[in-house]
Amino acid sequence: MTADDSFGRLDDDDYPAYTMGRAAEMLGTTQGFLRAIGEARLITPLRSAGGHRRYSRYQLRIAARARELVDQGTAIESACRIVILEDQLEEAQRINAEYRRAAPKP
């Protein structure tokens, strides 16, 4: 891998660049919270060669939304389910918009 390849990953939302400690610090939460949303299957961090959890920017955005809901009093399991449904709805809306753009105009 060249230096150019490494720098290209800085823009990749799915690149697992953040350790658990750094991710928790960025979110203003605990490592236990990250473990809990992992156990609830909201996010599945990748593992480094040494077995340490690594998080992507996309996963951090998802975790931040879950934390927002938990901070508002939503149970963690419910917050995770809400975030999953929000993500699925956003994806469905994106696909529908693509179909509308591709559909022949009358």
Protein backbone atom coordinates (compact mmCIF):
# COMPACT_ATOMS: atom_id res chain seq x y z
CA MET A 1 0.00 0.00 0.00
CA THR A 2 1.37 3.41 -0.93
CA ALA A 3 1.03 6.65 0.98
CA ASP A 4 -1.47 7.84 -1.64
CA ASP A 5 -3.65 4.77 -0.90
CA SER A 6 -3.60 5.55 2.82
CA PHE A 7 -4.53 9.19 2.32
CA GLY A 8 -7.38 8.17 -0.01
CA ARG A 9 -8.96 6.27 2.88
CA LEU A 10 -9.32 9.48 4.88
CA ASP A 11 -12.40 10.29 2.80
CA ASP A 12 -13.84 6.77 3.05
CA ASP A 13 -16.83 6.77 5.44
CA ASP A 14 -16.55 2.99 5.82
CA TYR A 15 -12.84 2.82 6.66
CA PRO A 16 -12.46 1.62 10.29
CA ALA A 17 -10.07 4.34 11.43
CA TYR A 18 -11.09 4.87 15.05
CA THR A 19 -10.24 2.78 18.10
CA MET A 20 -12.90 2.14 20.69
CA GLY A 21 -11.34 4.64 23.07
CA ARG A 22 -11.14 7.36 20.45
CA ALA A 23 -14.67 6.63 19.20
CA ALA A 24 -16.07 6.87 22.75
CA GLU A 25 -14.18 10.12 23.30
CA MET A 26 -15.48 11.62 20.05
CA LEU A 27 -19.06 10.67 20.93
CA GLY A 28 -18.76 11.80 24.54
CA THR A 29 -19.82 8.39 25.77
CA THR A 30 -18.30 5.30 27.34
CA GLN A 31 -16.74 2.25 25.78
CA GLY A 32 -19.51 0.28 27.48
CA PHE A 33 -22.09 2.17 25.41
CA LEU A 34 -20.27 1.17 22.23
CA ARG A 35 -20.18 -2.44 23.38
CA ALA A 36 -23.90 -2.31 24.19
CA ILE A 37 -24.92 -1.02 20.76
CA GLY A 38 -22.66 -3.66 19.25
CA GLU A 39 -24.42 -6.36 21.28
CA ALA A 40 -27.76 -4.91 20.11
CA ARG A 41 -26.40 -5.33 16.57
CA LEU A 42 -26.75 -1.69 15.65
CA ILE A 43 -23.15 -1.60 14.49
CA THR A 44 -20.53 -4.28 14.07
CA PRO A 45 -17.05 -2.83 14.39
CA LEU A 46 -14.27 -4.40 12.41
CA ARG A 47 -11.38 -5.94 14.30
CA SER A 48 -7.73 -5.08 13.97
CA ALA A 49 -5.14 -7.84 13.57
CA GLY A 50 -4.79 -7.75 17.37
CA GLY A 51 -8.55 -8.16 17.87
CA HIS A 52 -9.29 -4.55 18.85
CA ARG A 53 -12.52 -2.91 17.74
CA ARG A 54 -12.26 -0.29 14.98
CA TYR A 55 -15.06 2.06 13.98
CA SER A 56 -15.76 3.97 10.77
CA ARG A 57 -17.16 7.48 10.47
CA TYR A 58 -20.45 5.99 9.26
CA GLN A 59 -20.65 3.81 12.37
CA LEU A 60 -19.88 6.81 14.56
CA ARG A 61 -22.77 8.75 13.00
CA ILE A 62 -25.09 5.80 13.70
CA ALA A 63 -23.79 5.54 17.28
CA ALA A 64 -24.24 9.30 17.78
CA ARG A 65 -27.91 9.04 16.75
CA ALA A 66 -28.44 6.15 19.17
CA ARG A 67 -26.79 8.14 21.94
CA GLU A 68 -29.06 11.09 21.20
CA LEU A 69 -32.12 8.87 21.64
CA VAL A 70 -30.75 7.27 24.82
CA ASP A 71 -29.98 10.72 26.23
CA GLN A 72 -33.66 11.60 25.62
CA GLY A 73 -34.71 8.65 27.75
CA THR A 74 -35.18 5.90 25.16
CA ALA A 75 -34.06 2.43 26.22
CA ILE A 76 -30.89 1.38 24.41
CA GLU A 77 -32.55 -1.58 22.65
CA SER A 78 -35.39 0.66 21.46
CA ALA A 79 -32.96 3.36 20.37
CA CYS A 80 -31.04 0.83 18.30
CA ARG A 81 -34.23 -0.41 16.64
CA ILE A 82 -35.31 3.18 15.85
CA VAL A 83 -31.94 3.96 14.28
CA ILE A 84 -32.08 0.78 12.18
CA LEU A 85 -35.56 1.67 10.94
CA GLU A 86 -34.52 5.26 10.20
CA ASP A 87 -31.56 3.98 8.20
CA GLN A 88 -33.75 1.54 6.25
CA LEU A 89 -36.28 4.30 5.50
CA GLU A 90 -33.55 6.63 4.26
CA GLU A 91 -32.20 3.91 1.96
CA ALA A 92 -35.69 3.11 0.61
CA GLN A 93 -36.32 6.79 -0.09
CA ARG A 94 -32.98 7.05 -1.91
CA ILE A 95 -33.82 4.03 -4.08
CA ASN A 96 -37.30 5.40 -4.85
CA ALA A 97 -35.80 8.73 -5.90
CA GLU A 98 -33.40 6.89 -8.25
CA TYR A 99 -36.31 4.97 -9.80
CA ARG A 100 -38.25 8.20 -10.30
CA ARG A 101 -35.28 9.85 -12.02
CA ALA A 102 -34.77 6.81 -14.28
CA ALA A 103 -38.45 6.36 -15.16
CA PRO A 104 -39.49 7.45 -18.64
CA LYS A 105 -41.20 10.81 -18.67
CA PRO A 106 -44.79 10.80 -20.03
